[in-house]
């Protein structure tokens, strides 16, 4: 089962529940953004700078620690976040 989050922002997020794969699709070049995944306690589990012009789709395999965590995407000025549940 796949869960998707779509917004007016040029980012589409999906979590594949069986593989626990999080993918973010950048539908526009947003420049460099920082993608951060935190666990339920707020501890950073993954963090990576993504050049959205060169990497239109970003994927990471999540572990159980991020259940009820969050994913955030920021360019340093704007911030978008979503809750993770699987």
C-alpha atoms as a PDB file:
ATOM      1  CA  UNK A   1       0.000   0.000   0.000  1.00  0.00           C
ATOM      2  CA  UNK A   2       1.283   3.450  -0.882  1.00  0.00           C
ATOM      3  CA  UNK A   3       0.393   6.676   0.885  1.00  0.00           C
ATOM      4  CA  UNK A   4       0.765   9.938  -1.011  1.00  0.00           C
ATOM      5  CA  UNK A   5       0.744  13.532   0.057  1.00  0.00           C
ATOM      6  CA  UNK A   6       0.156  16.138  -2.618  1.00  0.00           C
ATOM      7  CA  UNK A   7       0.034  19.855  -2.076  1.00  0.00           C
ATOM      8  CA  UNK A   8       0.202  23.105  -3.986  1.00  0.00           C
ATOM      9  CA  UNK A   9       3.936  22.954  -3.334  1.00  0.00           C
ATOM     10  CA  UNK A  10       6.031  21.431  -6.109  1.00  0.00           C
ATOM     11  CA  UNK A  11       6.796  18.355  -3.978  1.00  0.00           C
ATOM     12  CA  UNK A  12       4.971  15.011  -3.989  1.00  0.00           C
ATOM     13  CA  UNK A  13       5.743  12.653  -1.100  1.00  0.00           C
ATOM     14  CA  UNK A  14       5.075   8.919  -0.956  1.00  0.00           C
ATOM     15  CA  UNK A  15       5.699   6.241   1.660  1.00  0.00           C
ATOM     16  CA  UNK A  16       5.587   2.663   0.418  1.00  0.00           C
ATOM     17  CA  UNK A  17       4.303   0.853   3.507  1.00  0.00           C
ATOM     18  CA  UNK A  18       5.630  -2.615   2.635  1.00  0.00           C
ATOM     19  CA  UNK A  19       9.221  -1.492   1.930  1.00  0.00           C
ATOM     20  CA  UNK A  20       9.122   1.625   4.157  1.00  0.00           C
ATOM     21  CA  UNK A  21      10.573   3.610   1.264  1.00  0.00           C
ATOM     22  CA  UNK A  22      10.055   7.372   1.379  1.00  0.00           C
ATOM     23  CA  UNK A  23      10.287   9.146  -1.956  1.00  0.00           C
ATOM     24  CA  UNK A  24       9.990  12.838  -2.682  1.00  0.00           C
ATOM     25  CA  UNK A  25       9.354  14.014  -6.230  1.00  0.00           C
ATOM     26  CA  UNK A  26      10.298  17.608  -6.969  1.00  0.00           C
ATOM     27  CA  UNK A  27       8.071  18.754  -9.837  1.00  0.00           C
ATOM     28  CA  UNK A  28      10.013  22.019 -10.181  1.00  0.00           C
ATOM     29  CA  UNK A  29      13.671  22.922  -9.741  1.00  0.00           C
ATOM     30  CA  UNK A  30      13.769  24.375  -6.225  1.00  0.00           C
ATOM     31  CA  UNK A  31      17.544  24.647  -6.152  1.00  0.00           C
ATOM     32  CA  UNK A  32      19.303  23.089  -3.177  1.00  0.00           C
ATOM     33  CA  UNK A  33      17.034  21.951  -0.359  1.00  0.00           C
ATOM     34  CA  UNK A  34      17.723  20.131   2.884  1.00  0.00           C
ATOM     35  CA  UNK A  35      15.607  17.031   3.489  1.00  0.00           C
ATOM     36  CA  UNK A  36      15.441  15.942   7.139  1.00  0.00           C
ATOM     37  CA  UNK A  37      13.690  12.903   8.607  1.00  0.00           C
ATOM     38  CA  UNK A  38      13.151  12.824  12.369  1.00  0.00           C
ATOM     39  CA  UNK A  39      11.804  10.138  14.669  1.00  0.00           C
ATOM     40  CA  UNK A  40       8.863  10.575  17.041  1.00  0.00           C
ATOM     41  CA  UNK A  41      11.119  12.123  19.709  1.00  0.00           C
ATOM     42  CA  UNK A  42      12.443  14.750  17.268  1.00  0.00           C
ATOM     43  CA  UNK A  43      15.880  13.145  16.820  1.00  0.00           C
ATOM     44  CA  UNK A  44      17.301  13.573  13.303  1.00  0.00           C
ATOM     45  CA  UNK A  45      17.593  10.169  11.636  1.00  0.00           C
ATOM     46  CA  UNK A  46      18.426  11.257   8.061  1.00  0.00           C
ATOM     47  CA  UNK A  47      19.540  14.585   6.647  1.00  0.00           C
ATOM     48  CA  UNK A  48      20.748  15.331   3.159  1.00  0.00           C
ATOM     49  CA  UNK A  49      21.124  18.324   0.863  1.00  0.00           C
ATOM     50  CA  UNK A  50      19.404  17.621  -2.444  1.00  0.00           C
ATOM     51  CA  UNK A  51      19.969  19.582  -5.651  1.00  0.00           C
ATOM     52  CA  UNK A  52      16.440  19.345  -7.036  1.00  0.00           C
ATOM     53  CA  UNK A  53      17.478  20.322 -10.576  1.00  0.00           C
ATOM     54  CA  UNK A  54      19.812  17.313 -10.758  1.00  0.00           C
ATOM     55  CA  UNK A  55      17.793  14.997  -8.483  1.00  0.00           C
ATOM     56  CA  UNK A  56      14.077  15.312  -9.269  1.00  0.00           C
ATOM     57  CA  UNK A  57      13.284  12.219  -7.155  1.00  0.00           C
ATOM     58  CA  UNK A  58      14.883  11.517  -3.757  1.00  0.00           C
ATOM     59  CA  UNK A  59      14.408   8.186  -1.991  1.00  0.00           C
ATOM     60  CA  UNK A  60      15.409   6.728   1.378  1.00  0.00           C
ATOM     61  CA  UNK A  61      14.546   3.473   3.148  1.00  0.00           C
ATOM     62  CA  UNK A  62      13.077   4.234   6.573  1.00  0.00           C
ATOM     63  CA  UNK A  63      13.486   2.107   9.666  1.00  0.00           C
ATOM     64  CA  UNK A  64      10.983   1.531  12.461  1.00  0.00           C
ATOM     65  CA  UNK A  65      12.383   4.428  14.512  1.00  0.00           C
ATOM     66  CA  UNK A  66      10.745   7.002  12.249  1.00  0.00           C
ATOM     67  CA  UNK A  67       7.222   5.678  12.798  1.00  0.00           C
ATOM     68  CA  UNK A  68       5.202   8.779  13.758  1.00  0.00           C
ATOM     69  CA  UNK A  69       8.162  10.981  12.818  1.00  0.00           C
ATOM     70  CA  UNK A  70       8.328  13.839  10.322  1.00  0.00           C
ATOM     71  CA  UNK A  71       9.966  14.741   7.043  1.00  0.00           C
ATOM     72  CA  UNK A  72      10.884  18.368   6.386  1.00  0.00           C
ATOM     73  CA  UNK A  73      12.122  20.090   3.258  1.00  0.00           C
ATOM     74  CA  UNK A  74      13.612  23.570   3.432  1.00  0.00           C
ATOM     75  CA  UNK A  75      15.511  25.907   1.167  1.00  0.00           C
ATOM     76  CA  UNK A  76      16.545  28.035   4.129  1.00  0.00           C
ATOM     77  CA  UNK A  77      13.583  30.391   3.732  1.00  0.00           C
ATOM     78  CA  UNK A  78      10.572  28.153   3.090  1.00  0.00           C
ATOM     79  CA  UNK A  79       9.727  25.016   5.068  1.00  0.00           C
ATOM     80  CA  UNK A  80       7.371  22.141   4.179  1.00  0.00           C
ATOM     81  CA  UNK A  81       6.816  19.178   6.467  1.00  0.00           C
ATOM     82  CA  UNK A  82       4.734  16.045   6.690  1.00  0.00           C
ATOM     83  CA  UNK A  83       4.073  13.353   9.247  1.00  0.00           C
ATOM     84  CA  UNK A  84       5.323   9.820   8.646  1.00  0.00           C
ATOM     85  CA  UNK A  85       3.173   6.845   9.552  1.00  0.00           C
ATOM     86  CA  UNK A  86       3.235   3.299   8.260  1.00  0.00           C
END
